[in-house]
Amino acid sequence: MCIGRTEYAPGILTVGPASTQCAVFSRMPESTPKLRIRPARPDDVSFILAMIKELAAYEREPDAVHSNEPSLRQYLFGQGFGRGPCAEALIGEVDGTPQAAAVYFMNFSTWSGAVGLYLEDLYVRPDARRLGIGKSLLIELASIARARGCRRMEWAVLDWNTTAQEFYKSLGAHEMSGWHVWRMDEHSLQRLAHTTR
């Protein structure tokens, strides 16, 4: 859900009345492309899947994507675990054409005693980069996080993606040194779940 506001940032005018459920980002001067951030809709599922696949290819893991349209539809817009959607998405448009997507979900911190926002994926198509759409998506995500009482927003960045790291640092993010992400894949989960207690 977008936040109704009018804010100024260097080169960006943000206008997003709550009734529109989106934020429109226009860069100065008027001749530059019109940027718009909006909540994803069910008819965006094929675009979101395309963004996930393009991101996987960019991250040198093109065969790692097992998502499909029915699973995205279920977890983004359906019943997920039976309690409603499990994740949400934003679409970034340039001159009315979708060019970027962000997929995120809420988590919880026992230390802060508050919810947080976890950004699973953010991807901007190469032709739309350097227009401000990625920054606009992050601004909207930060606004959503603050409106929901989040005390933090987190995401993962590959160690070789120094361009992204520098971009995130310029926005005030920092690397969590001393922490390593651990994961159990589907096979490990199955094996552990069937282990005798």
Protein backbone atom coordinates (compact mmCIF):
# COMPACT_ATOMS: atom_id res chain seq x y z
CA MET A 1 0.00 0.00 0.00
CA CYS A 2 1.46 3.36 -0.92
CA ILE A 3 1.63 6.26 1.45
CA GLY A 4 -0.03 9.59 0.76
CA ARG A 5 2.68 12.24 0.82
CA THR A 6 4.48 14.98 -1.00
CA GLU A 7 8.21 14.99 -0.38
CA TYR A 8 11.24 16.43 -2.06
CA ALA A 9 14.58 14.72 -2.55
CA PRO A 10 17.43 15.72 -4.85
CA GLY A 11 15.95 15.71 -8.36
CA ILE A 12 12.82 13.80 -7.33
CA LEU A 13 9.31 15.01 -6.63
CA THR A 14 7.16 12.41 -4.90
CA VAL A 15 3.41 12.75 -5.12
CA GLY A 16 1.19 9.97 -3.85
CA PRO A 17 -2.22 10.73 -2.39
CA ALA A 18 -3.43 7.75 -0.37
CA SER A 19 -6.52 7.44 -2.56
CA THR A 20 -4.41 6.57 -5.62
CA GLN A 21 -2.65 3.67 -3.86
CA CYS A 22 0.57 4.49 -5.69
CA ALA A 23 3.36 7.00 -5.80
CA VAL A 24 4.33 8.93 -8.89
CA PHE A 25 7.96 9.96 -9.17
CA SER A 26 8.80 12.64 -11.72
CA ARG A 27 12.37 13.75 -12.24
CA MET A 28 13.19 17.32 -13.20
CA PRO A 29 13.12 18.65 -15.87
CA GLU A 30 9.81 17.67 -17.46
CA SER A 31 11.48 16.11 -20.53
CA THR A 32 12.79 13.15 -18.54
CA PRO A 33 10.80 9.90 -18.21
CA LYS A 34 7.85 9.67 -15.84
CA LEU A 35 8.45 7.15 -13.06
CA ARG A 36 5.60 5.50 -11.19
CA ILE A 37 5.64 2.99 -8.33
CA ARG A 38 2.47 1.01 -7.66
CA PRO A 39 1.41 -2.14 -5.82
CA ALA A 40 1.48 -5.24 -7.98
CA ARG A 41 -1.82 -6.67 -9.21
CA PRO A 42 -2.68 -10.27 -10.14
CA ASP A 43 -2.30 -9.40 -13.83
CA ASP A 44 1.37 -8.49 -13.12
CA VAL A 45 2.31 -12.09 -12.25
CA SER A 46 3.88 -12.89 -15.64
CA PHE A 47 5.93 -9.68 -15.48
CA ILE A 48 7.06 -10.43 -11.92
CA LEU A 49 8.13 -13.92 -12.98
CA ALA A 50 10.06 -12.42 -15.91
CA MET A 51 11.83 -10.04 -13.49
CA ILE A 52 12.72 -12.95 -11.18
CA LYS A 53 14.20 -14.88 -14.11
CA GLU A 54 16.12 -11.86 -15.40
CA LEU A 55 17.52 -11.24 -11.92
CA ALA A 56 18.58 -14.90 -11.64
CA ALA A 57 20.37 -14.65 -14.98
CA TYR A 58 22.07 -11.42 -13.85
CA GLU A 59 23.16 -13.16 -10.65
CA ARG A 60 24.62 -16.02 -12.73
CA GLU A 61 22.01 -18.55 -11.57
CA PRO A 62 19.61 -18.78 -14.54
CA ASP A 63 18.56 -22.35 -13.74
CA ALA A 64 17.85 -21.71 -10.06
CA VAL A 65 14.33 -20.32 -10.55
CA HIS A 66 11.57 -22.82 -9.76
CA SER A 67 8.80 -20.24 -9.32
CA ASN A 68 5.92 -20.31 -11.74
CA GLU A 69 2.85 -18.17 -12.29
CA PRO A 70 0.48 -20.31 -10.18
CA SER A 71 2.86 -20.28 -7.18
CA LEU A 72 3.41 -16.52 -7.45
CA ARG A 73 -0.33 -15.94 -7.78
CA GLN A 74 -0.96 -18.08 -4.68
CA TYR A 75 1.70 -16.53 -2.45
CA LEU A 76 1.41 -12.92 -3.63
CA PHE A 77 -2.36 -12.66 -4.10
CA GLY A 78 -4.01 -15.86 -2.86
CA GLN A 79 -4.21 -17.68 0.41
CA GLY A 80 -0.51 -18.47 0.85
CA PHE A 81 -0.39 -20.55 4.01
CA GLY A 82 -4.17 -20.27 4.40
CA ARG A 83 -4.02 -16.83 6.05
CA GLY A 84 -3.73 -14.59 3.02
CA PRO A 85 -0.74 -13.57 0.90
CA CYS A 86 2.75 -14.35 2.23
CA ALA A 87 4.58 -11.68 0.27
CA GLU A 88 3.89 -8.49 -1.65
CA ALA A 89 5.31 -6.78 -4.70
CA LEU A 90 5.74 -3.32 -6.16
CA ILE A 91 5.98 -2.52 -9.85
CA GLY A 92 8.15 0.29 -11.19
CA GLU A 93 6.94 1.87 -14.42
CA VAL A 94 8.80 4.16 -16.79
CA ASP A 95 6.46 6.17 -19.01
CA GLY A 96 3.65 3.72 -18.21
CA THR A 97 5.62 0.57 -19.03
CA PRO A 98 6.65 -1.85 -16.24
CA GLN A 99 10.44 -1.96 -16.05
CA ALA A 100 11.19 -3.00 -12.46
CA ALA A 101 9.81 -5.04 -9.59
CA ALA A 102 10.42 -5.49 -5.89
CA VAL A 103 9.16 -8.51 -3.93
CA TYR A 104 9.11 -8.23 -0.14
CA PHE A 105 7.60 -9.68 3.02
CA MET A 106 7.36 -8.87 6.70
CA ASN A 107 9.51 -10.55 9.35
CA PHE A 108 9.96 -10.11 13.09
CA SER A 109 12.93 -9.23 15.29
CA THR A 110 12.95 -10.64 18.80
CA TRP A 111 15.68 -8.18 19.79
CA SER A 112 13.86 -5.05 18.68
CA GLY A 113 10.44 -6.49 19.47
CA ALA A 114 9.15 -5.13 16.19
CA VAL A 115 8.37 -6.17 12.66
CA GLY A 116 10.81 -5.66 9.81
CA LEU A 117 10.60 -5.63 6.05
CA TYR A 118 12.69 -8.11 4.09
CA LEU A 119 13.34 -7.27 0.45
CA GLU A 120 13.60 -10.59 -1.37
CA ASP A 121 14.18 -9.24 -4.89
CA LEU A 122 14.63 -5.88 -6.54
CA TYR A 123 15.36 -5.82 -10.24
CA VAL A 124 15.43 -3.04 -12.83
CA ARG A 125 15.75 -3.86 -16.51
CA PRO A 126 19.06 -2.61 -17.97
CA ASP A 127 17.45 -0.04 -20.30
CA ALA A 128 15.64 1.55 -17.34
CA ARG A 129 18.65 1.85 -15.05
CA ARG A 130 20.05 5.21 -13.99
CA LEU A 131 16.61 6.81 -14.29
CA GLY A 132 15.92 6.61 -10.55
CA ILE A 133 13.39 3.77 -10.61
CA GLY A 134 15.44 1.57 -8.25
CA LYS A 135 15.80 4.42 -5.77
CA SER A 136 12.10 5.20 -6.12
CA LEU A 137 11.25 1.57 -5.29
CA LEU A 138 13.47 1.70 -2.19
CA ILE A 139 11.92 5.01 -1.10
CA GLU A 140 8.46 3.47 -1.38
CA LEU A 141 9.58 0.34 0.50
CA ALA A 142 11.05 2.50 3.29
CA SER A 143 7.77 4.42 3.48
CA ILE A 144 5.78 1.16 3.71
CA ALA A 145 8.17 -0.11 6.39
CA ARG A 146 7.80 3.02 8.50
CA ALA A 147 4.01 3.08 8.11
CA ARG A 148 3.87 -0.51 9.41
CA GLY A 149 6.08 0.19 12.41
CA CYS A 150 9.19 -1.54 11.08
CA ARG A 151 12.49 -0.75 12.72
CA ARG A 152 14.57 -2.17 9.91
CA MET A 153 14.60 -3.20 6.28
CA GLU A 154 17.01 -5.90 5.14
CA TRP A 155 18.11 -7.65 1.98
CA ALA A 156 21.00 -9.72 0.65
CA VAL A 157 23.60 -8.56 -1.86
CA LEU A 158 26.04 -10.81 -3.67
CA ASP A 159 29.66 -10.18 -2.68
CA TRP A 160 30.72 -9.43 -6.27
CA ASN A 161 27.94 -6.89 -6.89
CA THR A 162 29.92 -3.86 -5.77
CA THR A 163 27.81 -1.49 -7.89
CA ALA A 164 24.70 -2.43 -5.89
CA GLN A 165 26.64 -2.27 -2.62
CA GLU A 166 27.80 1.28 -3.32
CA PHE A 167 24.28 2.30 -4.34
CA TYR A 168 22.81 0.92 -1.11
CA LYS A 169 25.51 2.61 0.96
CA SER A 170 24.65 5.94 -0.69
CA LEU A 171 21.11 5.52 0.67
CA GLY A 172 22.29 4.87 4.23
CA ALA A 173 22.33 1.05 4.30
CA HIS A 174 25.26 -0.85 5.74
CA GLU A 175 26.64 -4.38 5.57
CA MET A 176 25.96 -6.63 8.56
CA SER A 177 29.53 -7.68 9.27
CA GLY A 178 30.02 -10.79 11.33
CA TRP A 179 26.77 -12.40 10.16
CA HIS A 180 26.52 -15.14 7.55
CA VAL A 181 23.33 -16.32 5.88
CA TRP A 182 22.63 -20.01 6.39
CA ARG A 183 20.13 -22.02 4.40
CA MET A 184 18.60 -25.46 4.22
CA ASP A 185 17.41 -26.45 0.77
CA GLU A 186 14.33 -28.54 0.11
CA HIS A 187 16.19 -31.86 0.42
CA SER A 188 17.85 -30.88 3.70
CA LEU A 189 14.51 -29.70 5.09
CA GLN A 190 12.86 -32.97 4.17
CA ARG A 191 15.66 -35.02 5.71
CA LEU A 192 15.61 -33.03 8.95
CA ALA A 193 11.80 -33.06 9.19
CA HIS A 194 11.86 -36.88 8.99
CA THR A 195 14.63 -37.25 11.56
CA THR A 196 13.66 -39.18 14.67
CA ARG A 197 13.52 -36.91 17.71
